[in-house]
N, C-alpha and C. Protein backbone atom coordinates (compact mmCIF):
# COMPACT_ATOMS: atom_id res chain seq x y z
N MET A 1 138.05 77.92 21.42
CA MET A 1 137.40 76.63 21.03
C MET A 1 137.47 75.58 22.17
N GLU A 2 138.28 75.81 23.08
CA GLU A 2 138.76 75.45 24.33
C GLU A 2 137.58 75.19 25.08
N GLY A 3 137.31 77.05 25.36
CA GLY A 3 136.04 77.52 26.11
C GLY A 3 134.97 76.59 25.89
N ILE A 4 134.47 76.79 24.69
CA ILE A 4 133.22 75.90 24.46
C ILE A 4 133.21 74.55 25.27
N VAL A 5 134.13 73.80 24.52
CA VAL A 5 134.51 72.60 25.21
C VAL A 5 134.52 72.42 26.50
N VAL A 6 134.62 73.14 27.48
CA VAL A 6 135.17 73.35 28.92
C VAL A 6 133.64 73.61 29.41
N ILE A 7 132.87 74.66 28.87
CA ILE A 7 131.47 75.17 29.34
C ILE A 7 130.62 73.47 29.32
N ALA A 8 130.80 72.99 27.91
CA ALA A 8 129.93 71.96 27.65
C ALA A 8 129.88 70.78 28.33
N VAL A 9 130.84 70.63 28.68
CA VAL A 9 131.31 69.34 29.84
C VAL A 9 131.32 70.08 31.39
N ILE A 10 130.88 71.27 31.76
CA ILE A 10 130.71 71.93 32.81
C ILE A 10 128.91 71.80 33.25
N VAL A 11 128.38 71.76 31.93
CA VAL A 11 127.22 71.78 31.50
C VAL A 11 126.44 70.29 31.91
N VAL A 12 127.05 69.53 31.25
CA VAL A 12 126.77 67.93 30.71
C VAL A 12 127.15 67.46 32.60
N LEU A 13 127.98 67.67 33.23
CA LEU A 13 128.12 67.56 34.81
C LEU A 13 127.21 68.04 35.65
N ALA A 14 126.82 69.31 35.54
CA ALA A 14 126.36 69.61 36.20
C ALA A 14 124.53 69.30 36.19
N LEU A 15 123.98 68.85 34.55
CA LEU A 15 122.96 68.25 34.52
C LEU A 15 122.74 66.87 34.92
N ILE A 16 123.95 65.75 35.10
CA ILE A 16 124.38 64.72 35.62
C ILE A 16 123.83 64.68 36.94
N LEU A 17 124.53 65.72 37.83
CA LEU A 17 124.87 65.60 38.94
C LEU A 17 123.36 66.21 40.15
N GLY A 18 122.76 66.72 38.89
CA GLY A 18 121.27 67.10 39.09
C GLY A 18 120.62 68.45 39.37
N VAL A 19 121.64 69.33 39.09
CA VAL A 19 121.58 70.88 38.40
C VAL A 19 120.42 71.43 37.61
N LYS A 20 119.33 72.37 38.11
CA LYS A 20 118.29 72.36 37.09
C LYS A 20 118.45 73.53 36.61
N PRO A 21 118.44 73.05 34.79
CA PRO A 21 118.28 74.00 33.92
C PRO A 21 118.33 75.35 34.04
N ILE A 22 117.30 75.56 35.00
CA ILE A 22 117.12 77.21 35.04
C ILE A 22 118.08 77.94 35.75
N MET A 23 119.14 77.00 36.92
CA MET A 23 120.13 77.46 37.65
C MET A 23 121.21 77.75 36.66
N LEU A 24 121.38 76.49 35.54
CA LEU A 24 122.29 76.90 34.65
C LEU A 24 121.63 78.10 33.63
N LEU A 25 121.04 78.33 33.56
CA LEU A 25 120.71 79.54 32.75
C LEU A 25 120.89 81.20 33.61
N ALA A 26 120.66 81.11 34.87
CA ALA A 26 120.86 81.71 35.90
C ALA A 26 122.59 82.28 35.90
N ALA A 27 123.20 80.97 35.89
CA ALA A 27 124.51 81.08 36.31
C ALA A 27 125.23 82.06 35.06
N GLY A 28 124.90 81.19 33.43
CA GLY A 28 125.19 82.11 32.40
C GLY A 28 125.12 83.36 32.14
N GLY A 29 123.91 83.57 32.86
CA GLY A 29 123.55 84.92 32.99
C GLY A 29 124.50 86.02 33.48
N CYS A 30 124.20 85.27 35.14
CA CYS A 30 126.01 86.02 35.57
C CYS A 30 126.81 86.22 35.28
N LEU A 31 127.39 84.86 34.35
CA LEU A 31 128.72 85.11 33.56
C LEU A 31 128.88 86.36 32.58
N ILE A 32 127.21 86.43 31.70
CA ILE A 32 127.68 87.53 30.84
C ILE A 32 127.27 88.68 31.28
N LEU A 33 126.51 88.79 32.82
CA LEU A 33 126.94 90.34 33.47
C LEU A 33 128.10 90.50 33.72
N LEU A 34 128.79 90.11 34.75
CA LEU A 34 130.41 89.89 34.86
C LEU A 34 131.20 90.44 33.52
N PHE A 35 131.12 89.50 32.59
CA PHE A 35 131.88 90.19 31.26
C PHE A 35 131.12 91.55 30.74
N LEU A 36 130.18 91.89 31.00
CA LEU A 36 129.85 93.04 30.39
C LEU A 36 130.27 94.30 31.18
N LEU A 37 130.16 93.79 32.55
CA LEU A 37 130.91 94.87 33.52
C LEU A 37 132.09 94.93 33.75
N PHE A 38 132.59 93.83 33.53
CA PHE A 38 134.39 94.34 32.95
C PHE A 38 134.51 94.96 32.26
N MET A 39 133.96 95.19 31.11
CA MET A 39 133.97 95.90 29.41
C MET A 39 133.67 97.10 29.98
N VAL A 40 132.69 97.47 30.38
CA VAL A 40 132.12 98.40 30.74
C VAL A 40 133.43 99.66 32.02
N VAL A 41 134.41 98.99 32.87
CA VAL A 41 134.74 99.28 33.55
C VAL A 41 136.47 99.39 32.76
N PHE A 42 136.43 98.62 31.99
CA PHE A 42 138.09 98.17 31.02
C PHE A 42 137.46 100.21 30.19
N PHE A 43 136.75 100.33 29.55
CA PHE A 43 136.38 101.09 28.65
C PHE A 43 136.23 102.55 29.36
N VAL A 44 135.90 102.75 30.46
CA VAL A 44 135.70 103.70 31.49
C VAL A 44 136.89 104.13 32.20
N VAL A 45 138.02 103.33 32.40
CA VAL A 45 139.06 103.71 32.42
C VAL A 45 140.22 103.76 31.32
N CYS A 46 139.80 103.35 30.33
CA CYS A 46 140.47 103.77 29.22
C CYS A 46 140.05 105.38 28.52
N PHE A 47 138.97 105.42 28.47
CA PHE A 47 138.48 106.82 28.58
C PHE A 47 139.26 108.12 29.16
N THR A 48 138.56 107.75 30.27
CA THR A 48 139.39 108.49 31.45
C THR A 48 140.73 108.91 31.15
N LYS A 49 141.59 108.00 30.91
CA LYS A 49 142.71 107.84 30.79
C LYS A 49 143.34 108.47 29.24
N MET A 50 142.65 108.42 28.65
CA MET A 50 142.66 109.60 27.53
C MET A 50 142.28 110.63 27.47
N LEU A 51 141.54 111.13 28.51
CA LEU A 51 141.12 112.47 28.46
C LEU A 51 142.56 112.91 29.36
N THR A 52 143.33 112.55 30.15
CA THR A 52 143.93 112.90 30.97
C THR A 52 145.68 113.24 30.15
N THR A 53 145.12 113.15 28.94
CA THR A 53 146.58 113.04 27.59
C THR A 53 146.86 114.29 27.14
N LYS A 54 147.71 114.35 26.45
CA LYS A 54 147.79 115.99 25.90
C LYS A 54 147.83 115.81 24.41
N LYS A 55 147.74 116.31 23.71
CA LYS A 55 147.97 116.52 21.76
C LYS A 55 148.95 116.61 21.58
N VAL A 56 149.77 116.08 20.80
CA VAL A 56 151.06 116.38 20.31
C VAL A 56 151.08 115.96 19.15
N GLU A 57 152.30 116.18 18.41
CA GLU A 57 152.72 115.63 16.89
C GLU A 57 153.44 114.82 16.94
N ALA A 58 153.15 113.12 16.65
CA ALA A 58 154.37 112.49 16.39
C ALA A 58 154.67 111.82 14.98
N GLU A 59 155.39 111.24 14.91
CA GLU A 59 155.69 110.39 13.83
C GLU A 59 155.75 109.01 14.05
N PHE A 60 154.92 108.23 13.22
CA PHE A 60 155.17 106.33 13.33
C PHE A 60 156.58 106.34 12.64
N THR A 61 157.24 105.38 13.49
CA THR A 61 158.34 105.12 13.41
C THR A 61 158.29 103.19 12.84
N ARG A 62 157.45 102.26 13.77
CA ARG A 62 157.80 101.18 13.22
C ARG A 62 156.90 100.36 14.19
N ILE A 63 156.75 98.99 14.07
CA ILE A 63 155.68 98.28 14.78
C ILE A 63 156.70 96.94 15.41
N GLY A 64 156.63 96.98 16.60
CA GLY A 64 157.17 95.94 17.39
C GLY A 64 156.76 95.45 18.84
N LYS A 65 157.42 94.86 19.62
CA LYS A 65 157.50 94.28 20.81
C LYS A 65 157.98 95.17 21.70
N ARG A 66 157.25 95.50 22.79
CA ARG A 66 157.73 96.48 24.16
C ARG A 66 159.29 95.46 24.54
N THR A 67 158.66 94.34 25.01
CA THR A 67 159.99 93.53 25.25
C THR A 67 159.81 92.25 24.60
N PRO A 68 161.25 91.65 24.76
CA PRO A 68 161.21 90.12 23.70
C PRO A 68 160.23 89.12 24.45
N GLU A 69 159.62 89.53 25.49
CA GLU A 69 158.50 88.21 25.75
C GLU A 69 157.46 88.83 25.82
N ALA A 70 157.23 90.20 25.23
CA ALA A 70 155.64 90.56 24.87
C ALA A 70 154.82 89.67 24.00
N ARG A 71 153.48 89.44 23.98
CA ARG A 71 152.82 88.61 23.26
C ARG A 71 152.21 89.06 21.82
N PHE A 72 152.31 91.07 22.09
CA PHE A 72 151.40 91.46 21.02
C PHE A 72 152.70 92.86 20.70
N ASN A 73 152.12 92.97 19.08
CA ASN A 73 152.89 94.37 18.62
C ASN A 73 152.40 95.42 19.06
N LEU A 74 153.24 96.33 19.27
CA LEU A 74 152.74 97.64 19.28
C LEU A 74 153.03 98.49 17.86
N ALA A 75 152.34 99.52 17.95
CA ALA A 75 152.65 100.33 16.94
C ALA A 75 153.64 101.58 17.76
N PHE A 76 154.91 101.87 17.56
CA PHE A 76 155.89 102.99 18.34
C PHE A 76 155.66 104.34 17.78
N TYR A 77 155.70 105.65 18.29
CA TYR A 77 155.65 106.64 17.73
C TYR A 77 157.17 107.60 18.40
N SER A 78 157.31 108.14 17.45
CA SER A 78 158.45 109.27 17.83
C SER A 78 157.93 110.48 18.35
N ILE A 79 158.24 111.35 19.55
CA ILE A 79 158.00 112.80 19.87
C ILE A 79 158.97 113.02 20.20
N ASP A 80 159.71 113.79 19.78
CA ASP A 80 160.93 115.06 20.36
C ASP A 80 162.11 113.86 20.33
N GLY A 81 162.28 112.95 19.71
CA GLY A 81 163.20 112.07 19.61
C GLY A 81 162.96 110.84 20.18
N LYS A 82 162.02 110.93 21.07
CA LYS A 82 162.28 109.68 22.20
C LYS A 82 160.37 109.00 21.58
N GLU A 83 160.90 107.73 21.85
CA GLU A 83 159.59 106.39 20.90
C GLU A 83 158.93 106.32 22.41
N TYR A 84 157.64 106.00 22.22
CA TYR A 84 156.33 106.04 22.63
C TYR A 84 155.97 104.85 22.01
N PRO A 85 155.44 103.52 22.97
CA PRO A 85 154.10 102.56 22.29
C PRO A 85 153.12 102.99 22.28
N ASN A 86 152.13 102.83 21.35
CA ASN A 86 150.98 102.60 21.68
C ASN A 86 150.29 102.10 22.92
N ILE A 87 148.78 102.14 23.23
CA ILE A 87 148.58 101.59 24.36
C ILE A 87 147.78 100.24 23.89
N PHE A 88 147.44 100.15 22.60
CA PHE A 88 146.93 98.97 22.45
C PHE A 88 147.68 97.97 21.91
N PRO A 89 147.31 97.00 20.99
CA PRO A 89 148.00 96.43 19.89
C PRO A 89 147.47 96.72 18.95
N GLU A 90 148.60 96.63 17.74
CA GLU A 90 148.59 97.19 16.66
C GLU A 90 147.45 96.29 15.55
N GLU A 91 146.93 97.12 14.49
CA GLU A 91 145.95 96.15 14.18
C GLU A 91 146.80 95.43 12.78
N GLY A 92 146.77 94.40 12.85
CA GLY A 92 147.76 93.21 12.17
C GLY A 92 147.34 92.97 10.61
N ILE A 93 145.66 93.18 10.65
CA ILE A 93 145.19 92.31 9.17
C ILE A 93 145.83 93.68 8.35
N MET A 94 145.44 95.17 8.33
CA MET A 94 146.07 95.95 7.33
C MET A 94 147.29 96.62 7.71
N GLU A 95 148.19 96.27 8.37
CA GLU A 95 148.75 96.91 8.86
C GLU A 95 149.83 98.09 8.01
N LYS A 96 149.92 97.54 6.87
CA LYS A 96 150.87 98.26 5.71
C LYS A 96 149.69 99.45 5.22
N MET A 97 148.53 99.79 5.24
CA MET A 97 147.47 100.34 4.97
C MET A 97 147.37 101.28 5.97
N LEU A 98 147.13 101.15 7.21
CA LEU A 98 147.16 101.82 8.69
C LEU A 98 148.35 102.64 8.73
N TYR A 99 149.75 101.64 9.46
CA TYR A 99 150.67 102.54 9.70
C TYR A 99 151.56 102.98 8.36
N LYS A 100 151.70 104.06 8.32
CA LYS A 100 152.57 104.61 7.28
C LYS A 100 154.29 105.17 7.96
N THR A 101 155.28 104.46 7.28
CA THR A 101 156.41 105.53 7.94
C THR A 101 156.51 106.66 7.57
N ASP A 102 157.27 107.70 8.41
CA ASP A 102 158.04 108.62 8.12
C ASP A 102 156.32 109.67 7.44
N ARG A 103 155.71 109.60 8.40
CA ARG A 103 154.37 110.68 8.28
C ARG A 103 154.11 110.85 9.71
N LYS A 104 153.56 112.16 9.81
CA LYS A 104 153.06 112.77 11.26
C LYS A 104 151.47 112.52 11.07
N TYR A 105 151.47 112.01 12.76
CA TYR A 105 149.63 112.12 13.16
C TYR A 105 150.01 112.51 14.38
N ASN A 106 148.73 113.12 14.58
CA ASN A 106 148.13 113.68 15.98
C ASN A 106 147.82 112.53 16.70
N VAL A 107 148.72 112.48 18.09
CA VAL A 107 148.40 111.42 19.10
C VAL A 107 148.53 112.01 20.12
N ARG A 108 148.20 111.16 21.32
CA ARG A 108 147.69 111.98 22.86
C ARG A 108 148.68 111.12 23.85
N LEU A 109 149.18 111.60 24.44
CA LEU A 109 150.55 111.23 24.90
C LEU A 109 150.57 111.37 26.56
N HIS A 110 150.66 110.46 27.25
CA HIS A 110 150.06 110.30 28.47
C HIS A 110 151.56 110.07 29.24
N LYS A 111 151.50 110.59 30.53
CA LYS A 111 152.34 111.62 31.25
C LYS A 111 153.28 109.76 31.75
N LYS A 112 152.22 108.60 31.35
CA LYS A 112 152.96 107.09 31.61
C LYS A 112 154.24 106.61 31.05
N GLY A 113 154.05 107.09 29.81
CA GLY A 113 154.97 106.84 28.68
C GLY A 113 154.68 106.19 27.62
N TYR A 114 153.09 106.18 27.10
CA TYR A 114 152.48 105.72 26.08
C TYR A 114 151.57 106.48 25.37
N VAL A 115 151.10 106.15 24.11
CA VAL A 115 150.48 107.15 23.52
C VAL A 115 149.12 106.27 23.13
N PHE A 116 148.19 107.23 22.41
CA PHE A 116 146.91 106.82 22.31
C PHE A 116 147.07 107.16 20.50
N ASP A 117 147.09 106.34 19.77
CA ASP A 117 146.92 106.87 18.05
C ASP A 117 145.31 107.33 18.16
N ARG A 118 144.78 107.08 16.47
CA ARG A 118 143.96 107.54 16.17
C ARG A 118 143.04 106.39 16.20
N PHE A 119 143.66 105.02 16.15
CA PHE A 119 142.67 103.93 16.35
C PHE A 119 142.36 103.72 17.58
N ALA A 120 143.59 103.79 18.77
CA ALA A 120 143.35 104.00 20.39
C ALA A 120 142.05 104.94 20.71
N VAL A 121 141.81 105.99 19.88
CA VAL A 121 141.11 107.24 20.36
C VAL A 121 139.65 106.37 20.01
N THR A 122 139.70 106.23 18.87
CA THR A 122 138.61 105.66 18.16
C THR A 122 137.75 104.43 19.12
N THR A 123 138.73 103.39 19.60
CA THR A 123 138.45 102.11 20.27
C THR A 123 137.45 102.64 21.29
N CYS A 124 138.66 103.57 21.99
CA CYS A 124 138.00 104.36 23.68
C CYS A 124 136.58 104.91 23.18
N THR A 125 136.68 105.80 22.13
CA THR A 125 135.29 106.45 22.32
C THR A 125 134.45 105.43 21.92
N ILE A 126 133.96 104.63 21.38
CA ILE A 126 133.28 103.97 20.69
C ILE A 126 133.10 102.60 22.06
N GLY A 127 133.80 102.36 21.92
CA GLY A 127 133.89 101.36 23.56
C GLY A 127 133.02 102.06 24.80
N PHE A 128 133.38 103.45 25.15
CA PHE A 128 132.81 104.06 26.19
C PHE A 128 131.68 104.26 25.52
N THR A 129 131.27 104.93 24.65
CA THR A 129 129.78 105.07 24.17
C THR A 129 128.76 103.40 24.45
N LEU A 130 129.14 102.87 23.82
CA LEU A 130 128.69 101.28 23.87
C LEU A 130 128.71 100.86 25.53
N SER A 131 129.63 101.25 26.40
CA SER A 131 129.55 101.16 27.86
C SER A 131 128.20 101.35 28.09
N ILE A 132 128.32 102.70 27.59
CA ILE A 132 126.95 103.20 28.42
C ILE A 132 125.90 103.10 27.89
N VAL A 133 125.50 102.66 26.54
CA VAL A 133 124.17 102.02 26.26
C VAL A 133 123.87 100.41 26.62
N ILE A 134 124.89 99.86 26.98
CA ILE A 134 125.22 98.20 27.76
C ILE A 134 124.50 98.73 29.06
N ILE A 135 124.89 100.04 29.70
CA ILE A 135 124.37 100.13 31.33
C ILE A 135 122.84 100.30 31.31
N ILE A 136 122.59 101.44 30.15
CA ILE A 136 121.55 101.72 30.35
C ILE A 136 120.37 100.39 29.70
N ALA A 137 120.66 99.33 29.08
CA ALA A 137 119.87 98.56 28.43
C ALA A 137 119.97 97.46 29.91
N ALA A 138 120.99 97.19 30.34
CA ALA A 138 120.82 96.49 31.27
C ALA A 138 119.75 96.93 32.52
N ALA A 139 120.14 98.48 32.50
CA ALA A 139 118.82 98.60 33.55
C ALA A 139 117.64 98.86 33.47
N ILE A 140 117.06 98.76 32.35
CA ILE A 140 115.91 98.51 32.04
C ILE A 140 115.49 97.36 31.67
N ALA A 141 116.23 96.20 31.16
CA ALA A 141 116.09 94.86 31.16
C ALA A 141 115.77 94.70 32.72
N ALA A 142 116.56 95.03 33.73
CA ALA A 142 116.63 94.66 34.92
C ALA A 142 115.11 95.15 35.49
N ALA A 143 114.88 96.70 35.23
CA ALA A 143 113.55 96.99 35.31
C ALA A 143 112.29 95.95 35.11
N VAL A 144 112.65 95.63 33.50
CA VAL A 144 111.23 94.69 32.91
C VAL A 144 111.32 93.44 33.70
N ILE A 145 111.72 93.14 34.11
CA ILE A 145 112.19 91.52 34.85
C ILE A 145 111.97 91.63 36.15
N SER A 146 112.19 92.50 36.82
CA SER A 146 111.50 92.88 38.26
C SER A 146 110.05 93.37 38.56
N GLY A 147 109.57 93.55 37.44
CA GLY A 147 108.02 94.24 37.04
C GLY A 147 107.88 95.70 37.55
N VAL A 148 109.12 96.34 37.34
CA VAL A 148 109.05 97.85 37.81
C VAL A 148 108.23 98.38 36.76
N LEU A 149 108.45 98.31 35.75
CA LEU A 149 108.39 98.91 34.00
C LEU A 149 107.56 97.63 33.32
């Protein structure tokens, strides 16, 4: 909500200072493109990391924070007696349905000491696929705008 107020204040100040509305639209478009680029890079990195993992069987142990200062809860899995955190925060809404203790799951263990559980694998795969779609759509849009297509 605060972000919307900040954007509204910036737009009003820019209009008062004489910035043309088309320039504000161009700046907004650039911000959206930067966000999309960040998203694409994030999912490409996550997907690449996921591909460098090995598949192991693990037991879900608990939901908790990695450190007391951490902001998000993570799912923890036990592999050969050692506990590993999931790479992404846990799904807080349906926690009881999704994470069942004393149950074996197939996870992907990364050499840096974290796992990709089934939800992280799904998130990375869908995010990577959508990132490719976004890149193609942006290329087509750029070609249409520039008059190539």
